[in-house]
Amino acid sequence: MSLKKVMILSCVSLGLLVSQANASSIKVGIATEAYPPFSVPNAEGNYTGWEIDIANAICEQAKLDCEIVRLSPHLGTVLSLL
């Protein structure tokens, strides 16, 4: 996946984060495919990486309760059309 597509996905995810600011828990979606250094699953199935760090930092600064969720693996197919 190109950097442009990853950045678009990140911006969309963060845009959804901001639009859900009044919700009790905000869900931040990430692609299920591993894209180091942006998002990489560890042995427990939790994701780490740049996207996760940025989302967590934004949530912490905004004092929001955020939950990292995995998006459908078919999202890659949609992004390939961009």
Protein backbone atom coordinates (compact mmCIF):
# COMPACT_ATOMS: atom_id res chain seq x y z
CA MET A 1 0.00 0.00 0.00
CA SER A 2 1.39 3.38 -0.91
CA LEU A 3 2.12 6.06 1.63
CA LYS A 4 -0.61 8.22 0.06
CA LYS A 5 -3.25 5.56 0.70
CA VAL A 6 -2.07 5.00 4.26
CA MET A 7 -2.20 8.73 4.94
CA ILE A 8 -5.71 8.94 3.47
CA LEU A 9 -6.82 6.07 5.70
CA SER A 10 -5.23 7.74 8.72
CA CYS A 11 -6.92 11.06 7.98
CA VAL A 12 -10.30 9.39 7.50
CA SER A 13 -9.86 7.47 10.75
CA LEU A 14 -8.88 10.59 12.64
CA GLY A 15 -11.76 12.50 11.04
CA LEU A 16 -14.15 9.89 12.35
CA LEU A 17 -12.47 10.21 15.71
CA VAL A 18 -13.18 13.92 15.84
CA SER A 19 -16.75 13.51 14.58
CA GLN A 20 -17.50 11.05 17.38
CA ALA A 21 -16.18 13.33 20.12
CA ASN A 22 -19.51 13.29 21.99
CA ALA A 23 -19.71 9.49 22.13
CA SER A 24 -18.83 7.68 25.34
CA SER A 25 -16.16 5.56 23.64
CA ILE A 26 -14.66 6.45 20.28
CA LYS A 27 -13.67 3.65 17.93
CA VAL A 28 -10.57 4.22 15.81
CA GLY A 29 -10.36 1.77 12.91
CA ILE A 30 -7.14 0.36 11.50
CA ALA A 31 -6.55 -1.95 8.55
CA THR A 32 -6.06 -5.61 9.48
CA GLU A 33 -3.13 -6.06 7.11
CA ALA A 34 0.32 -5.39 8.56
CA TYR A 35 1.89 -2.21 7.17
CA PRO A 36 5.09 -1.58 9.11
CA PRO A 37 5.80 0.90 10.59
CA PHE A 38 2.20 2.15 10.48
CA SER A 39 0.41 -0.82 12.04
CA VAL A 40 1.77 -4.25 12.96
CA PRO A 41 0.00 -6.98 14.95
CA ASN A 42 1.92 -8.52 17.85
CA ALA A 43 1.68 -12.12 19.15
CA GLU A 44 -1.47 -11.33 21.16
CA GLY A 45 -3.24 -9.84 18.13
CA ASN A 46 -2.96 -6.26 19.38
CA TYR A 47 -1.64 -3.68 16.96
CA THR A 48 1.35 -1.41 17.48
CA GLY A 49 2.97 1.17 15.27
CA TRP A 50 2.82 4.76 14.09
CA GLU A 51 -0.95 4.91 13.44
CA ILE A 52 -1.70 3.46 16.88
CA ASP A 53 0.72 5.84 18.61
CA ILE A 54 -0.77 8.89 16.85
CA ALA A 55 -4.36 7.86 17.59
CA ASN A 56 -3.54 7.21 21.26
CA ALA A 57 -1.71 10.55 21.56
CA ILE A 58 -4.68 12.43 20.07
CA CYS A 59 -7.10 10.64 22.38
CA GLU A 60 -4.92 11.38 25.39
CA GLN A 61 -4.53 15.07 24.51
CA ALA A 62 -8.27 15.43 23.89
CA LYS A 63 -9.08 13.41 27.02
CA LEU A 64 -11.17 10.96 25.01
CA ASP A 65 -11.87 7.30 25.70
CA CYS A 66 -10.74 5.57 22.50
CA GLU A 67 -10.84 1.97 21.39
CA ILE A 68 -8.64 0.67 18.55
CA VAL A 69 -10.69 -1.66 16.32
CA ARG A 70 -9.71 -3.69 13.28
CA LEU A 71 -11.42 -2.89 9.99
CA SER A 72 -12.57 -5.46 7.47
CA PRO A 73 -9.81 -7.05 5.39
CA HIS A 74 -11.81 -5.98 2.34
CA LEU A 75 -10.90 -2.36 3.04
CA GLY A 76 -7.68 -2.94 1.08
CA THR A 77 -9.79 -3.70 -1.96
CA VAL A 78 -11.66 -0.43 -1.57
CA LEU A 79 -8.44 1.54 -1.06
CA SER A 80 -6.90 -0.02 -4.16
CA LEU A 81 -9.60 1.75 -6.17
CA LEU A 82 -8.42 5.19 -4.98
